[in-house]
Amino acid sequence: MADFSKIKQTKKSRFGDAPSPEDNDNNLDAPETAPARKPRNKTGRTVPFATKVTAEFDEDFRRIAFFGKMKKVELLEKALEAYKEANDIE
């Protein structure tokens, strides 16, 4: 018969012993609930708009929107209005 007393014991789990079934507070019987999601402010905008820009433009645009405490779409709308006014476009 093999002598297993000289074999190195395995390291104990860092999580400790598993809880006994009596310690279970019946959490398996409880319904699952999804984590609460932070609600987003609705803007009423429904048409997607995407384009490719340079990295420098993206950094500047995001910085201006962040420090102006506005959404990127709000900055884009303001830029369009300023362009229209500067070029007498309705």
Protein backbone atom coordinates (compact mmCIF):
# COMPACT_ATOMS: atom_id res chain seq x y z
CA MET A 1 0.00 0.00 0.00
CA ALA A 2 1.26 3.50 -0.79
CA ASP A 3 2.34 5.80 2.03
CA PHE A 4 0.64 9.17 1.39
CA SER A 5 1.81 10.78 4.64
CA LYS A 6 4.94 12.16 2.95
CA ILE A 7 3.02 13.88 0.12
CA LYS A 8 2.79 17.62 0.49
CA GLN A 9 -0.63 18.77 1.62
CA THR A 10 -2.47 21.00 -0.83
CA LYS A 11 -2.84 24.64 0.08
CA LYS A 12 -6.14 25.56 1.68
CA SER A 13 -8.49 27.71 -0.31
CA ARG A 14 -8.14 31.44 0.30
CA PHE A 15 -11.91 31.58 0.54
CA GLY A 16 -12.07 29.28 3.52
CA ASP A 17 -14.45 26.40 3.98
CA ALA A 18 -17.71 26.30 2.06
CA PRO A 19 -20.75 27.29 4.13
CA SER A 20 -22.98 24.51 5.31
CA PRO A 21 -26.50 24.16 3.89
CA GLU A 22 -27.85 25.31 7.26
CA ASP A 23 -25.94 28.60 6.91
CA ASN A 24 -27.63 29.26 3.59
CA ASP A 25 -30.27 31.97 4.02
CA ASN A 26 -32.35 30.53 1.16
CA ASN A 27 -30.91 33.00 -1.33
CA LEU A 28 -31.30 30.38 -4.04
CA ASP A 29 -35.07 30.49 -3.58
CA ALA A 30 -35.23 34.30 -3.94
CA PRO A 31 -35.98 35.76 -7.37
CA GLU A 32 -33.10 37.25 -9.29
CA THR A 33 -33.11 41.01 -9.66
CA ALA A 34 -31.18 43.03 -12.19
CA PRO A 35 -28.86 45.74 -10.87
CA ALA A 36 -30.28 49.24 -10.85
CA ARG A 37 -29.37 51.21 -13.95
CA LYS A 38 -28.69 54.90 -13.90
CA PRO A 39 -31.45 56.62 -15.87
CA ARG A 40 -30.35 58.69 -18.82
CA ASN A 41 -31.76 62.08 -19.56
CA LYS A 42 -34.08 61.91 -22.54
CA THR A 43 -33.22 64.39 -25.25
CA GLY A 44 -35.94 63.74 -27.80
CA ARG A 45 -33.32 63.13 -30.49
CA THR A 46 -33.97 60.00 -32.49
CA VAL A 47 -31.87 60.14 -35.67
CA PRO A 48 -28.40 58.59 -35.36
CA PHE A 49 -25.54 60.69 -36.68
CA ALA A 50 -22.04 59.29 -37.05
CA THR A 51 -18.90 60.48 -38.79
CA LYS A 52 -15.15 59.95 -38.66
CA VAL A 53 -12.93 62.73 -37.40
CA THR A 54 -9.27 63.16 -36.52
CA ALA A 55 -8.08 62.31 -33.04
CA GLU A 56 -7.20 65.97 -32.44
CA PHE A 57 -10.71 67.12 -33.40
CA ASP A 58 -12.25 64.47 -31.13
CA GLU A 59 -10.09 65.52 -28.16
CA ASP A 60 -10.88 69.22 -28.65
CA PHE A 61 -14.59 68.58 -29.16
CA ARG A 62 -14.92 66.40 -26.07
CA ARG A 63 -12.86 68.83 -23.95
CA ILE A 64 -15.00 71.81 -24.98
CA ALA A 65 -18.22 69.88 -24.31
CA PHE A 66 -16.94 68.66 -20.93
CA PHE A 67 -15.79 72.05 -19.67
CA GLY A 68 -18.92 73.67 -21.10
CA LYS A 69 -20.98 71.13 -19.11
CA MET A 70 -22.99 70.14 -22.16
CA LYS A 71 -23.62 67.03 -24.15
CA LYS A 72 -21.66 66.55 -27.34
CA VAL A 73 -24.83 66.85 -29.36
CA GLU A 74 -25.59 70.20 -27.72
CA LEU A 75 -22.15 71.49 -28.71
CA LEU A 76 -22.72 70.25 -32.26
CA GLU A 77 -26.09 72.03 -32.40
CA LYS A 78 -24.54 75.27 -31.12
CA ALA A 79 -21.75 75.01 -33.70
CA LEU A 80 -24.31 74.52 -36.48
CA GLU A 81 -26.33 77.54 -35.30
CA ALA A 82 -23.16 79.67 -35.16
CA TYR A 83 -22.24 78.56 -38.69
CA LYS A 84 -25.72 79.41 -39.97
CA GLU A 85 -25.59 82.87 -38.38
CA ALA A 86 -22.10 83.58 -39.70
CA ASN A 87 -23.10 82.63 -43.24
CA ASP A 88 -26.67 84.03 -43.26
CA ILE A 89 -28.24 80.59 -43.70
CA GLU A 90 -31.76 79.85 -42.47
